[in-house]
N, C-alpha and C. Protein backbone atom coordinates (compact mmCIF):
# COMPACT_ATOMS: atom_id res chain seq x y z
N MET A 1 52.32 137.28 120.10
CA MET A 1 52.83 137.79 121.33
C MET A 1 54.22 137.21 121.58
N GLN A 2 55.16 138.09 121.76
CA GLN A 2 56.52 137.66 122.04
C GLN A 2 56.85 137.92 123.50
N ILE A 3 57.55 136.98 124.03
CA ILE A 3 57.99 137.14 125.41
C ILE A 3 59.48 137.45 125.37
N LYS A 4 59.86 138.56 125.93
CA LYS A 4 61.26 138.93 125.99
C LYS A 4 61.74 138.69 127.41
N LEU A 5 62.82 138.00 127.48
CA LEU A 5 63.39 137.69 128.77
C LEU A 5 64.75 138.37 128.86
N LYS A 6 64.89 139.20 129.83
CA LYS A 6 66.14 139.90 130.01
C LYS A 6 66.84 139.30 131.22
N PHE A 7 68.08 138.90 130.99
CA PHE A 7 68.85 138.26 132.04
C PHE A 7 70.05 139.15 132.32
N ASP A 8 70.09 139.70 133.48
CA ASP A 8 71.16 140.62 133.82
C ASP A 8 71.97 140.02 134.96
N SER A 9 73.17 139.64 134.62
CA SER A 9 74.03 139.05 135.63
C SER A 9 75.46 139.44 135.33
N ARG A 10 76.17 139.87 136.32
CA ARG A 10 77.56 140.24 136.11
C ARG A 10 78.41 139.02 135.76
N LEU A 11 78.14 137.88 136.39
CA LEU A 11 78.90 136.67 136.13
C LEU A 11 78.70 136.20 134.68
N ALA A 12 77.46 136.25 134.21
CA ALA A 12 77.19 135.84 132.82
C ALA A 12 77.87 136.78 131.85
N ASN A 13 77.86 138.07 132.13
CA ASN A 13 78.53 139.02 131.25
C ASN A 13 80.04 138.80 131.24
N ARG A 14 80.60 138.49 132.38
CA ARG A 14 82.03 138.24 132.46
C ARG A 14 82.41 137.00 131.64
N TRP A 15 81.61 135.93 131.74
CA TRP A 15 81.87 134.72 130.95
C TRP A 15 81.68 134.98 129.46
N ALA A 16 80.71 135.79 129.12
CA ALA A 16 80.48 136.12 127.71
C ALA A 16 81.64 136.91 127.14
N GLU A 17 82.21 137.81 127.93
CA GLU A 17 83.38 138.55 127.47
C GLU A 17 84.59 137.64 127.34
N ARG A 18 84.70 136.70 128.26
CA ARG A 18 85.85 135.80 128.25
C ARG A 18 85.83 134.89 127.02
N PHE A 19 84.64 134.48 126.56
CA PHE A 19 84.53 133.58 125.42
C PHE A 19 83.95 134.30 124.20
N SER A 20 84.52 135.42 123.85
CA SER A 20 84.07 136.11 122.66
C SER A 20 84.58 135.36 121.43
N LYS A 21 84.01 135.67 120.30
CA LYS A 21 84.36 134.97 119.07
C LYS A 21 85.83 135.18 118.71
N GLN A 22 86.33 136.37 118.89
CA GLN A 22 87.72 136.66 118.57
C GLN A 22 88.67 135.88 119.48
N ARG A 23 88.34 135.80 120.74
CA ARG A 23 89.20 135.08 121.67
C ARG A 23 89.21 133.58 121.39
N VAL A 24 88.06 133.04 121.02
CA VAL A 24 88.00 131.61 120.70
C VAL A 24 88.82 131.32 119.45
N ILE A 25 88.71 132.17 118.43
CA ILE A 25 89.50 131.98 117.21
C ILE A 25 90.99 132.10 117.52
N HIS A 26 91.36 133.07 118.32
CA HIS A 26 92.77 133.24 118.69
C HIS A 26 93.28 132.02 119.45
N ALA A 27 92.50 131.51 120.37
CA ALA A 27 92.90 130.32 121.13
C ALA A 27 93.06 129.11 120.22
N ALA A 28 92.16 128.97 119.25
CA ALA A 28 92.26 127.85 118.31
C ALA A 28 93.53 127.97 117.47
N ARG A 29 93.86 129.18 117.04
CA ARG A 29 95.09 129.37 116.24
C ARG A 29 96.34 129.09 117.06
N VAL A 30 96.30 129.42 118.33
CA VAL A 30 97.46 129.18 119.18
C VAL A 30 97.60 127.69 119.50
N LEU A 31 96.49 127.01 119.75
CA LEU A 31 96.53 125.61 120.16
C LEU A 31 96.65 124.63 119.01
N ALA A 32 96.33 125.02 117.78
CA ALA A 32 96.34 124.09 116.66
C ALA A 32 97.71 123.44 116.43
N PRO A 33 98.81 124.19 116.37
CA PRO A 33 100.11 123.52 116.17
C PRO A 33 100.47 122.57 117.30
N THR A 34 100.13 122.94 118.52
CA THR A 34 100.43 122.08 119.65
C THR A 34 99.64 120.78 119.57
N LEU A 35 98.37 120.87 119.23
CA LEU A 35 97.56 119.66 119.11
C LEU A 35 98.04 118.78 117.96
N LEU A 36 98.48 119.38 116.88
CA LEU A 36 99.00 118.62 115.75
C LEU A 36 100.26 117.86 116.15
N VAL A 37 101.18 118.52 116.82
CA VAL A 37 102.42 117.87 117.25
C VAL A 37 102.12 116.75 118.25
N LEU A 38 101.21 116.99 119.16
CA LEU A 38 100.87 115.95 120.13
C LEU A 38 100.24 114.73 119.47
N SER A 39 99.42 114.95 118.46
CA SER A 39 98.81 113.81 117.77
C SER A 39 99.84 113.03 116.98
N LEU A 40 100.80 113.72 116.35
CA LEU A 40 101.85 113.02 115.62
C LEU A 40 102.77 112.25 116.57
N THR A 41 103.05 112.83 117.73
CA THR A 41 103.88 112.15 118.71
C THR A 41 103.19 110.89 119.21
N THR A 42 101.90 110.97 119.43
CA THR A 42 101.14 109.79 119.86
C THR A 42 101.18 108.72 118.80
N ALA A 43 101.04 109.09 117.54
CA ALA A 43 101.09 108.11 116.46
C ALA A 43 102.48 107.49 116.34
N ALA A 44 103.52 108.28 116.57
CA ALA A 44 104.88 107.75 116.49
C ALA A 44 105.14 106.75 117.61
N HIS A 45 104.61 107.00 118.80
CA HIS A 45 104.78 106.05 119.89
C HIS A 45 103.98 104.79 119.66
N ALA A 46 102.84 104.90 119.03
CA ALA A 46 102.01 103.72 118.78
C ALA A 46 102.56 102.87 117.65
N GLN A 47 103.45 103.42 116.86
CA GLN A 47 103.97 102.70 115.71
C GLN A 47 104.75 101.45 116.13
N GLY A 48 105.45 101.51 117.23
CA GLY A 48 106.22 100.35 117.67
C GLY A 48 105.38 99.25 118.24
N THR A 49 104.13 99.51 118.54
CA THR A 49 103.29 98.50 119.16
C THR A 49 102.38 97.79 118.16
N MET A 50 102.54 98.08 116.87
CA MET A 50 101.67 97.44 115.88
C MET A 50 102.09 95.98 115.69
N ASP A 51 101.13 95.12 115.55
CA ASP A 51 101.38 93.69 115.40
C ASP A 51 101.07 93.28 113.97
N PHE A 52 102.09 92.81 113.26
CA PHE A 52 101.91 92.40 111.87
C PHE A 52 101.96 90.89 111.71
N SER A 53 101.74 90.13 112.77
CA SER A 53 101.78 88.68 112.64
C SER A 53 100.63 88.18 111.76
N GLY A 54 99.50 88.87 111.81
CA GLY A 54 98.39 88.48 110.94
C GLY A 54 98.71 88.75 109.48
N ALA A 55 99.45 89.81 109.20
CA ALA A 55 99.83 90.12 107.82
C ALA A 55 100.78 89.06 107.29
N GLN A 56 101.71 88.59 108.12
CA GLN A 56 102.63 87.54 107.67
C GLN A 56 101.88 86.24 107.41
N THR A 57 100.90 85.94 108.23
CA THR A 57 100.10 84.74 108.01
C THR A 57 99.32 84.86 106.71
N LEU A 58 98.75 86.05 106.46
CA LEU A 58 98.00 86.27 105.23
C LEU A 58 98.91 86.15 104.02
N MET A 59 100.10 86.75 104.08
CA MET A 59 101.03 86.67 102.95
C MET A 59 101.52 85.24 102.75
N GLY A 60 101.65 84.48 103.83
CA GLY A 60 101.99 83.06 103.69
C GLY A 60 100.90 82.31 102.96
N THR A 61 99.65 82.67 103.23
CA THR A 61 98.53 82.05 102.51
C THR A 61 98.57 82.41 101.03
N PHE A 62 98.87 83.68 100.73
CA PHE A 62 98.98 84.08 99.32
C PHE A 62 100.11 83.35 98.62
N LYS A 63 101.23 83.17 99.34
CA LYS A 63 102.37 82.47 98.76
C LYS A 63 102.01 81.02 98.45
N THR A 64 101.34 80.37 99.39
CA THR A 64 100.91 78.98 99.17
C THR A 64 99.95 78.90 97.99
N PHE A 65 99.02 79.87 97.90
CA PHE A 65 98.10 79.88 96.77
C PHE A 65 98.84 80.06 95.46
N ALA A 66 99.85 80.94 95.42
CA ALA A 66 100.62 81.16 94.19
C ALA A 66 101.36 79.89 93.80
N MET A 67 101.86 79.17 94.77
CA MET A 67 102.57 77.92 94.46
C MET A 67 101.62 76.88 93.88
N TYR A 68 100.47 76.72 94.51
CA TYR A 68 99.50 75.74 94.00
C TYR A 68 98.93 76.16 92.65
N ALA A 69 98.61 77.45 92.51
CA ALA A 69 98.05 77.91 91.24
C ALA A 69 99.08 77.76 90.13
N GLY A 70 100.34 78.10 90.40
CA GLY A 70 101.38 77.92 89.39
C GLY A 70 101.55 76.48 88.98
N ALA A 71 101.50 75.58 89.97
CA ALA A 71 101.64 74.15 89.66
C ALA A 71 100.46 73.65 88.82
N VAL A 72 99.25 74.09 89.15
CA VAL A 72 98.07 73.65 88.38
C VAL A 72 98.11 74.21 86.96
N ILE A 73 98.50 75.49 86.81
CA ILE A 73 98.58 76.08 85.47
C ILE A 73 99.65 75.38 84.65
N CYS A 74 100.80 75.11 85.26
CA CYS A 74 101.90 74.45 84.56
C CYS A 74 101.48 73.03 84.13
N LEU A 75 100.89 72.29 85.04
CA LEU A 75 100.46 70.93 84.72
C LEU A 75 99.37 70.93 83.66
N GLY A 76 98.41 71.85 83.78
CA GLY A 76 97.35 71.92 82.77
C GLY A 76 97.89 72.27 81.39
N GLY A 77 98.84 73.20 81.33
CA GLY A 77 99.45 73.56 80.05
C GLY A 77 100.22 72.40 79.45
N LEU A 78 100.93 71.64 80.28
CA LEU A 78 101.67 70.48 79.77
C LEU A 78 100.72 69.39 79.28
N ILE A 79 99.64 69.16 79.99
CA ILE A 79 98.67 68.14 79.55
C ILE A 79 98.03 68.57 78.23
N PHE A 80 97.64 69.85 78.16
CA PHE A 80 97.05 70.38 76.92
C PHE A 80 98.02 70.22 75.76
N ALA A 81 99.28 70.60 75.96
CA ALA A 81 100.28 70.51 74.89
C ALA A 81 100.57 69.05 74.54
N GLY A 82 100.62 68.18 75.54
CA GLY A 82 100.89 66.77 75.27
C GLY A 82 99.80 66.12 74.45
N ILE A 83 98.55 66.41 74.75
CA ILE A 83 97.44 65.84 73.98
C ILE A 83 97.49 66.33 72.54
N ARG A 84 97.77 67.63 72.35
CA ARG A 84 97.86 68.18 70.99
C ARG A 84 99.02 67.56 70.22
N MET A 85 100.15 67.35 70.90
CA MET A 85 101.31 66.78 70.22
C MET A 85 101.07 65.32 69.86
N MET A 86 100.40 64.57 70.73
CA MET A 86 100.13 63.15 70.43
C MET A 86 99.18 63.00 69.25
N SER A 87 98.34 64.01 69.05
CA SER A 87 97.41 63.93 67.92
C SER A 87 98.05 64.46 66.63
N GLY A 88 99.30 64.91 66.73
CA GLY A 88 100.01 65.35 65.54
C GLY A 88 99.86 66.82 65.22
N ARG A 89 99.18 67.56 66.01
CA ARG A 89 98.99 69.00 65.74
C ARG A 89 99.97 69.81 66.60
N PHE A 90 101.20 69.88 66.13
CA PHE A 90 102.24 70.52 66.92
C PHE A 90 102.04 72.03 67.04
N GLN A 91 101.48 72.65 66.02
CA GLN A 91 101.26 74.10 66.10
C GLN A 91 100.18 74.45 67.12
N ASP A 92 99.22 73.56 67.29
CA ASP A 92 98.19 73.80 68.30
C ASP A 92 98.71 73.56 69.72
N ALA A 93 99.85 72.90 69.86
CA ALA A 93 100.42 72.63 71.17
C ALA A 93 101.21 73.81 71.72
N ILE A 94 101.57 74.77 70.85
CA ILE A 94 102.39 75.91 71.28
C ILE A 94 101.71 76.73 72.37
N PRO A 95 100.41 77.05 72.28
CA PRO A 95 99.78 77.78 73.40
C PRO A 95 99.84 77.02 74.72
N GLY A 96 99.72 75.71 74.67
CA GLY A 96 99.83 74.91 75.88
C GLY A 96 101.22 74.99 76.49
N LEU A 97 102.24 75.02 75.64
CA LEU A 97 103.60 75.15 76.16
C LEU A 97 103.83 76.52 76.78
N PHE A 98 103.25 77.57 76.16
CA PHE A 98 103.36 78.90 76.76
C PHE A 98 102.58 78.96 78.08
N GLY A 99 101.47 78.25 78.14
CA GLY A 99 100.73 78.17 79.40
C GLY A 99 101.53 77.49 80.49
N ALA A 100 102.26 76.42 80.11
CA ALA A 100 103.12 75.75 81.08
C ALA A 100 104.24 76.67 81.53
N LEU A 101 104.79 77.45 80.61
CA LEU A 101 105.83 78.41 80.95
C LEU A 101 105.30 79.50 81.88
N PHE A 102 104.09 79.97 81.61
CA PHE A 102 103.45 80.97 82.48
C PHE A 102 103.23 80.39 83.87
N GLY A 103 102.75 79.15 83.95
CA GLY A 103 102.54 78.51 85.25
C GLY A 103 103.84 78.36 86.03
N ALA A 104 104.92 78.05 85.33
CA ALA A 104 106.21 77.94 86.00
C ALA A 104 106.66 79.31 86.53
N GLY A 105 106.35 80.36 85.76
CA GLY A 105 106.68 81.72 86.22
C GLY A 105 105.90 82.10 87.46
N VAL A 106 104.61 81.76 87.48
CA VAL A 106 103.79 82.04 88.67
C VAL A 106 104.32 81.24 89.85
N LEU A 107 104.69 79.99 89.59
CA LEU A 107 105.18 79.12 90.66
C LEU A 107 106.49 79.64 91.24
N GLY A 108 107.40 80.06 90.40
CA GLY A 108 108.71 80.50 90.88
C GLY A 108 108.75 81.94 91.30
N TRP A 109 108.51 82.83 90.34
CA TRP A 109 108.64 84.26 90.62
C TRP A 109 107.52 84.79 91.51
N GLY A 110 106.30 84.33 91.29
CA GLY A 110 105.18 84.82 92.08
C GLY A 110 105.33 84.50 93.55
N ALA A 111 105.62 83.22 93.85
CA ALA A 111 105.78 82.82 95.25
C ALA A 111 107.02 83.48 95.86
N GLY A 112 108.08 83.61 95.07
CA GLY A 112 109.29 84.26 95.58
C GLY A 112 109.07 85.71 95.89
N TRP A 113 108.34 86.39 95.02
CA TRP A 113 108.06 87.83 95.23
C TRP A 113 107.18 88.03 96.45
N ILE A 114 106.14 87.21 96.59
CA ILE A 114 105.26 87.32 97.75
C ILE A 114 106.01 87.03 99.02
N GLY A 115 106.89 86.01 98.99
CA GLY A 115 107.69 85.70 100.16
C GLY A 115 108.66 86.79 100.53
N SER A 116 109.19 87.50 99.52
CA SER A 116 110.15 88.57 99.81
C SER A 116 109.48 89.77 100.46
N LEU A 117 108.18 89.94 100.29
CA LEU A 117 107.49 91.07 100.88
C LEU A 117 107.48 91.00 102.40
N THR A 118 107.49 89.79 102.94
CA THR A 118 107.44 89.65 104.40
C THR A 118 108.71 89.02 104.95
N GLY A 119 109.70 88.82 104.12
CA GLY A 119 110.96 88.26 104.60
C GLY A 119 110.92 86.76 104.83
N GLN A 120 109.98 86.06 104.21
CA GLN A 120 109.89 84.62 104.37
C GLN A 120 110.89 83.96 103.43
N SER A 121 111.43 82.84 103.86
CA SER A 121 112.38 82.13 103.01
C SER A 121 111.65 81.10 102.17
N MET A 122 112.22 80.83 101.03
CA MET A 122 111.60 79.86 100.11
C MET A 122 112.20 78.48 100.33
């Protein structure tokens, strides 16, 4: 058993005509560019209020880590090479010297590059 309910109202019919599918699609097409421009304008105004002090602090931490890591790598490579050289195996000391050179590169260029990303001075 189906119950059919018929609702006859002039006001409801008027609202149904006002919000037909074609009219809603047309309204969306007309309003879409305006909404896009308004959203971009809002983002442009918010751009000046962004706070990057946390990013500078984080990059300062990375710079400090690069300096310490470079120093540890350089010192470890020199100790490794020195022990090999004292035992008379000069060819085995070459990787340690390259390790010390790599550590010096991390210490100098790595920390300098990280510092240049945020405008920090060395």
